[in-house]
Protein backbone atom coordinates (compact mmCIF):
# COMPACT_ATOMS: atom_id res chain seq x y z
CA MET A 1 12.29 -34.48 15.14
CA PRO A 2 12.39 -30.97 13.00
CA SER A 3 10.63 -31.08 9.92
CA ARG A 4 12.83 -30.87 6.64
CA ILE A 5 12.75 -27.81 4.66
CA PRO A 6 11.22 -28.80 1.11
CA ARG A 7 13.88 -28.68 -1.67
CA VAL A 8 11.17 -27.28 -4.02
CA ILE A 9 8.00 -25.28 -3.42
CA ARG A 10 5.47 -23.79 -5.79
CA THR A 11 3.77 -20.53 -4.67
CA ASN A 12 1.98 -17.38 -5.86
CA ALA A 13 3.51 -14.14 -5.01
CA ILE A 14 3.36 -10.44 -5.84
CA VAL A 15 6.67 -9.04 -6.96
CA LEU A 16 7.30 -5.91 -4.85
CA ARG A 17 10.89 -4.87 -6.14
CA HIS A 18 14.31 -6.28 -7.43
CA ARG A 19 17.83 -5.10 -7.45
CA ARG A 20 20.83 -6.26 -9.61
CA LEU A 21 23.09 -8.90 -8.36
CA GLY A 22 26.30 -9.36 -10.47
CA GLU A 23 26.12 -9.09 -14.37
CA ALA A 24 23.04 -11.39 -15.19
CA ASP A 25 21.24 -11.95 -11.88
CA ARG A 26 18.74 -10.24 -9.72
CA ILE A 27 17.66 -10.22 -6.17
CA VAL A 28 13.78 -10.12 -6.14
CA THR A 29 11.76 -9.17 -3.24
CA LEU A 30 8.41 -11.18 -3.25
CA LEU A 31 5.17 -11.18 -0.91
CA THR A 32 3.83 -14.63 -0.66
CA PRO A 33 0.90 -15.87 1.28
CA LEU A 34 2.40 -18.48 3.55
CA ARG A 35 6.37 -17.47 3.84
CA GLY A 36 5.64 -13.47 3.80
CA LYS A 37 8.10 -11.17 2.29
CA ILE A 38 11.17 -13.21 1.12
CA ASP A 39 14.14 -12.23 -1.04
CA VAL A 40 15.04 -14.90 -3.89
CA ILE A 41 17.69 -15.13 -6.46
CA ALA A 42 16.60 -14.91 -10.25
CA LYS A 43 19.54 -16.37 -12.33
CA GLY A 44 20.37 -15.07 -15.69
CA VAL A 45 17.12 -12.80 -15.91
CA LEU A 46 19.22 -9.93 -17.17
CA ARG A 47 20.39 -11.85 -20.18
CA SER A 48 18.48 -10.97 -23.24
CA LYS A 49 17.48 -14.62 -24.05
CA SER A 50 16.06 -15.21 -20.56
CA ARG A 51 12.48 -16.45 -20.39
CA MET A 52 11.96 -15.33 -16.80
CA GLY A 53 12.89 -11.85 -16.77
CA GLY A 54 9.37 -10.32 -17.71
CA HIS A 55 7.74 -12.27 -15.24
CA LEU A 56 9.51 -10.85 -12.25
CA GLU A 57 9.09 -7.48 -12.75
CA PRO A 58 7.44 -5.28 -9.96
CA LEU A 59 3.56 -5.23 -10.07
CA THR A 60 3.27 -8.66 -11.27
CA LEU A 61 1.21 -11.46 -9.62
CA VAL A 62 3.22 -14.66 -10.52
CA GLU A 63 3.24 -18.23 -9.81
CA VAL A 64 6.97 -19.39 -8.93
CA VAL A 65 8.89 -22.32 -8.29
CA LEU A 66 11.63 -22.05 -5.68
CA ALA A 67 14.62 -24.28 -4.94
CA HIS A 68 16.00 -24.13 -1.54
CA GLY A 69 19.23 -22.48 -1.44
CA ARG A 70 22.11 -21.99 1.22
CA SER A 71 21.19 -18.19 1.95
CA MET A 72 18.33 -17.55 -0.60
CA ASP A 73 15.88 -19.70 -2.69
CA VAL A 74 16.47 -19.67 -6.17
CA VAL A 75 13.71 -19.11 -8.95
CA THR A 76 13.55 -22.18 -11.11
CA GLN A 77 10.25 -21.29 -12.85
CA ALA A 78 8.13 -17.96 -13.27
CA GLN A 79 4.88 -17.74 -14.90
CA THR A 80 2.75 -14.37 -14.81
CA ILE A 81 -0.84 -14.54 -13.52
CA ASP A 82 -1.84 -10.99 -13.62
CA ALA A 83 0.49 -8.00 -14.74
CA PHE A 84 -2.21 -5.60 -14.01
CA PRO A 85 -1.89 -4.02 -17.72
CA ALA A 86 -4.56 -1.40 -17.10
CA ALA A 87 -2.55 0.20 -14.16
CA HIS A 88 0.57 0.54 -16.43
CA ASP A 89 -1.43 2.31 -18.94
CA ASP A 90 -2.42 5.25 -16.54
CA LEU A 91 0.27 7.36 -14.71
CA ASP A 92 -1.79 8.11 -11.87
CA ARG A 93 -2.72 4.44 -11.33
CA LEU A 94 0.68 3.29 -11.96
CA SER A 95 2.05 5.65 -9.26
CA ALA A 96 -0.57 4.59 -6.87
CA ALA A 97 0.18 0.98 -7.32
CA MET A 98 3.89 1.42 -7.22
CA TYR A 99 3.01 3.18 -3.50
CA LEU A 100 1.04 0.21 -2.41
CA LEU A 101 3.94 -2.03 -3.31
CA GLU A 102 6.20 0.18 -1.46
CA LEU A 103 4.01 0.36 1.68
CA ALA A 104 3.74 -3.42 1.89
CA ASP A 105 7.50 -3.90 1.36
CA ARG A 106 8.26 -1.46 4.15
CA ILE A 107 5.81 -2.66 6.79
CA THR A 108 5.68 -6.51 6.01
CA VAL A 109 8.03 -8.73 8.27
CA GLU A 110 10.18 -11.21 6.54
CA HIS A 111 9.83 -14.85 6.53
CA ALA A 112 6.42 -14.68 8.46
CA GLU A 113 2.98 -15.91 7.34
CA ALA A 114 1.36 -13.05 5.43
CA GLU A 115 -1.80 -14.41 3.56
CA GLY A 116 -4.05 -11.95 4.93
CA LEU A 117 -1.55 -9.12 3.70
CA HIS A 118 -0.81 -10.65 0.33
CA ASP A 119 -4.72 -10.82 -0.15
CA LEU A 120 -5.13 -7.21 0.71
CA LEU A 121 -2.52 -6.09 -1.56
CA HIS A 122 -3.75 -8.18 -4.28
CA ALA A 123 -7.40 -7.03 -4.02
CA ALA A 124 -6.08 -3.32 -3.88
CA LEU A 125 -4.22 -3.85 -7.14
CA VAL A 126 -7.34 -5.52 -8.72
CA ARG A 127 -9.25 -2.52 -7.66
CA LEU A 128 -6.98 0.13 -9.08
CA ALA A 129 -6.70 -1.79 -12.40
CA ARG A 130 -10.23 -2.22 -13.09
CA GLY A 131 -10.66 1.74 -12.46
CA ASP A 132 -11.84 2.19 -8.95
CA GLY A 133 -11.50 5.73 -7.39
CA GLN A 134 -7.62 5.94 -6.41
CA GLN A 135 -8.12 7.83 -3.24
CA VAL A 136 -10.69 5.18 -1.83
CA VAL A 137 -8.38 2.34 -2.83
CA GLN A 138 -5.37 4.06 -1.49
CA ARG A 139 -6.65 5.13 1.74
CA THR A 140 -8.77 2.15 2.48
CA PHE A 141 -5.53 -0.11 1.83
CA GLU A 142 -3.50 2.13 4.10
CA LEU A 143 -6.04 1.84 7.04
CA ALA A 144 -6.55 -2.05 6.55
CA LEU A 145 -2.53 -2.34 6.33
CA LEU A 146 -2.16 -0.63 9.74
CA GLU A 147 -4.93 -2.54 11.19
CA ALA A 148 -3.42 -5.92 10.13
CA THR A 149 0.03 -5.26 11.23
CA GLY A 150 -0.92 -3.62 14.59
CA PHE A 151 -0.80 -0.04 13.73
CA ARG A 152 -4.40 0.83 13.71
CA PRO A 153 -4.46 4.68 13.98
CA GLU A 154 -6.94 6.04 16.68
CA LEU A 155 -9.10 8.49 14.68
CA THR A 156 -11.85 9.01 17.27
CA ASP A 157 -10.63 9.31 20.55
CA CYS A 158 -7.69 11.42 22.05
CA LEU A 159 -4.49 9.30 22.20
CA ARG A 160 -3.64 11.03 25.56
CA CYS A 161 -6.57 11.32 27.54
CA SER A 162 -8.95 8.83 25.72
CA ASN A 163 -11.82 11.28 25.38
CA PRO A 164 -13.87 11.55 22.24
CA VAL A 165 -12.60 13.97 19.99
CA PRO A 166 -15.13 16.18 17.78
CA ALA A 167 -13.81 16.30 14.20
CA GLU A 168 -13.89 20.20 14.42
CA GLU A 169 -11.53 19.97 17.28
CA ALA A 170 -9.10 17.47 16.47
CA TRP A 171 -5.28 17.66 15.99
CA TRP A 172 -3.41 15.47 13.98
CA ALA A 173 -0.36 13.57 15.62
CA PRO A 174 1.37 11.05 12.98
CA VAL A 175 4.10 10.14 15.14
CA GLU A 176 1.80 9.28 18.18
CA GLY A 177 -0.39 7.48 15.67
CA GLY A 178 -4.01 9.41 15.42
CA VAL A 179 -5.90 12.41 17.02
CA LEU A 180 -5.40 14.46 19.96
CA CYS A 181 -7.95 16.74 21.53
CA ALA A 182 -7.08 20.56 21.68
CA SER A 183 -6.19 20.33 25.47
CA CYS A 184 -3.68 17.53 24.84
CA ALA A 185 -2.36 19.04 21.84
CA ARG A 186 -1.16 22.15 23.41
CA THR A 187 1.50 19.99 25.47
CA TYR A 188 2.55 18.26 22.30
CA GLY A 189 4.30 20.39 20.00
CA GLU A 190 4.41 18.15 16.73
CA ALA A 191 0.65 18.07 16.57
CA GLN A 192 -1.17 19.92 13.61
CA PRO A 193 -4.67 20.98 12.91
CA ILE A 194 -6.33 18.34 10.69
CA ASP A 195 -9.31 19.05 8.40
CA ALA A 196 -12.78 18.21 10.01
CA THR A 197 -14.33 16.68 6.79
CA ALA A 198 -11.05 14.62 5.85
CA LEU A 199 -11.14 13.24 9.33
CA ARG A 200 -14.77 12.30 9.21
CA VAL A 201 -14.08 10.60 5.75
CA LEU A 202 -11.03 8.75 7.25
CA ARG A 203 -13.20 7.42 10.08
CA ALA A 204 -15.82 6.28 7.60
CA PHE A 205 -12.97 4.37 5.60
CA GLN A 206 -11.85 2.88 8.74
CA SER A 207 -15.34 1.57 10.02
CA GLN A 208 -17.26 1.00 6.79
CA THR A 209 -16.86 -1.76 4.08
CA TYR A 210 -15.07 -1.13 0.99
CA GLU A 211 -18.12 -0.76 -1.04
CA GLU A 212 -19.72 1.84 1.49
CA ALA A 213 -16.33 3.71 1.37
CA GLY A 214 -16.55 3.62 -2.36
CA ARG A 215 -19.91 5.62 -2.26
CA ILE A 216 -18.53 8.71 -0.65
CA ARG A 217 -17.76 11.54 -3.20
CA LEU A 218 -14.67 13.42 -2.70
CA THR A 219 -13.51 16.76 -4.12
CA ASP A 220 -9.94 17.06 -5.57
CA GLU A 221 -8.82 19.51 -2.38
CA LEU A 222 -10.48 17.05 -0.07
CA ALA A 223 -8.63 14.19 -1.42
CA ALA A 224 -5.30 16.14 -1.21
CA ARG A 225 -6.04 16.97 2.40
CA MET A 226 -6.75 13.22 3.39
CA GLU A 227 -3.49 12.24 1.31
CA SER A 228 -1.22 14.53 3.07
CA ALA A 229 -2.47 13.26 6.51
CA MET A 230 -2.14 9.72 5.78
CA HIS A 231 1.27 9.99 4.05
CA ALA A 232 2.37 11.79 7.05
CA LEU A 233 1.08 8.69 9.32
CA MET A 234 2.61 6.23 7.09
CA ARG A 235 6.21 7.94 7.14
CA SER A 236 6.05 7.68 10.82
CA VAL A 237 5.26 4.18 10.88
CA VAL A 238 7.84 2.94 8.39
CA GLU A 239 10.20 5.48 9.98
CA ARG A 240 11.37 6.65 6.72
CA ASP A 241 10.40 8.72 3.55
CA LEU A 242 8.31 7.09 0.88
CA LYS A 243 9.68 7.82 -2.46
CA SER A 244 6.69 6.44 -4.26
CA ALA A 245 4.39 8.74 -2.04
CA GLN A 246 6.00 12.11 -3.40
CA PHE A 247 5.42 10.59 -6.99
CA VAL A 248 1.85 9.85 -6.17
CA SER A 249 1.33 13.51 -5.01
CA ALA A 250 3.12 14.94 -8.00
CA ALA A 251 0.99 12.63 -10.43
CA ARG A 252 -2.38 13.67 -8.78
CA ARG A 253 -1.33 17.41 -8.91
CA ALA A 254 -0.73 17.14 -12.71
CA ARG A 255 -3.99 15.29 -13.26
CA VAL A 256 -6.11 18.06 -11.07
CA ALA A 257 -4.37 20.99 -13.11
CA GLY A 258 -5.11 19.10 -16.46
CA GLU A 259 -8.94 18.46 -15.28
CA ALA A 260 -9.08 22.07 -14.17
CA ARG A 261 -8.15 23.34 -17.70
CA GLN A 262 -10.76 21.19 -19.12
CA ASP A 263 -13.25 22.39 -16.69
CA ALA A 264 -12.58 25.75 -17.77
CA ALA A 265 -13.05 25.15 -21.32
CA ASP A 266 -16.29 23.03 -20.39
CA PRO A 267 -17.95 24.69 -17.32
CA ALA A 268 -20.97 22.43 -17.63
CA ASP A 269 -19.06 19.53 -16.46
CA ALA A 270 -19.35 20.31 -12.69
CA ALA A 271 -17.29 18.33 -10.22
CA ALA A 272 -18.73 17.03 -6.89
CA SER A 273 -18.60 19.53 -3.96
CA GLU A 274 -17.69 19.22 -0.44
CA SER A 275 -21.31 19.42 0.62
CA ASP A 276 -21.85 16.19 -1.51
CA THR A 277 -19.13 14.35 0.62
CA LEU A 278 -20.85 15.50 3.88
CA ASP A 279 -24.47 14.43 2.29
CA ASP A 280 -22.72 10.79 1.60
CA LEU A 281 -21.35 10.61 5.33
CA ALA A 282 -24.82 11.61 6.74
CA GLU A 283 -26.61 8.71 4.74
């Protein structure tokens, strides 16, 4: 005899996005540990007297009570656990957090157990909010998300001939899902050269713990090259443009420009060099 669907469930969830439904309601997309990504109806949250509206905004870890509905469950209670306020106070971190939410939304299967993905996203948001390096948070999240969903990129061996590819000779093929050797790249028109140091760091991020990855120093130029490669890969996996990725890149460029002006005024404040990155990789 099939098990009965519970009439009411209580679960933690991360709010990924929402959209309007009628005059006063919203459809809210949640990432839950046991039910995966689900759409639920939040009734009356657009009314000024609603007590739930502020708890169901994107970038919120929330505890919700859901009543079973005919087509979608209905939120009957919502209580914020963590709104990640520090991420909201910084444009760079806010844009990075929204990028992580969009990735999780686009790549996660609906109505399937997703405890690992929920925990992965939660950990990344906590790291962003506490001030960890944004590049290491975003790149390690991307790689871990791809690993968890069966899209692990091949960063070491050629996707076509399976031979090891030296970083200096690698070509980047996002649609294929990783690197090609120079010989195979000649027969694949969409491959592009990839910066050797960027690839070495991505290999380290893929194989090391988060704490080890966080000790690798990155220049702004190197971070930009890694970002470009991974954004291209993620677009290929989700098969659409990621709006938040464009905003992340714009926010990073604005920050770098501001820091460059500050460094010009105070030359003693030296930034890390790419040789520092190579030293960190060699340790």
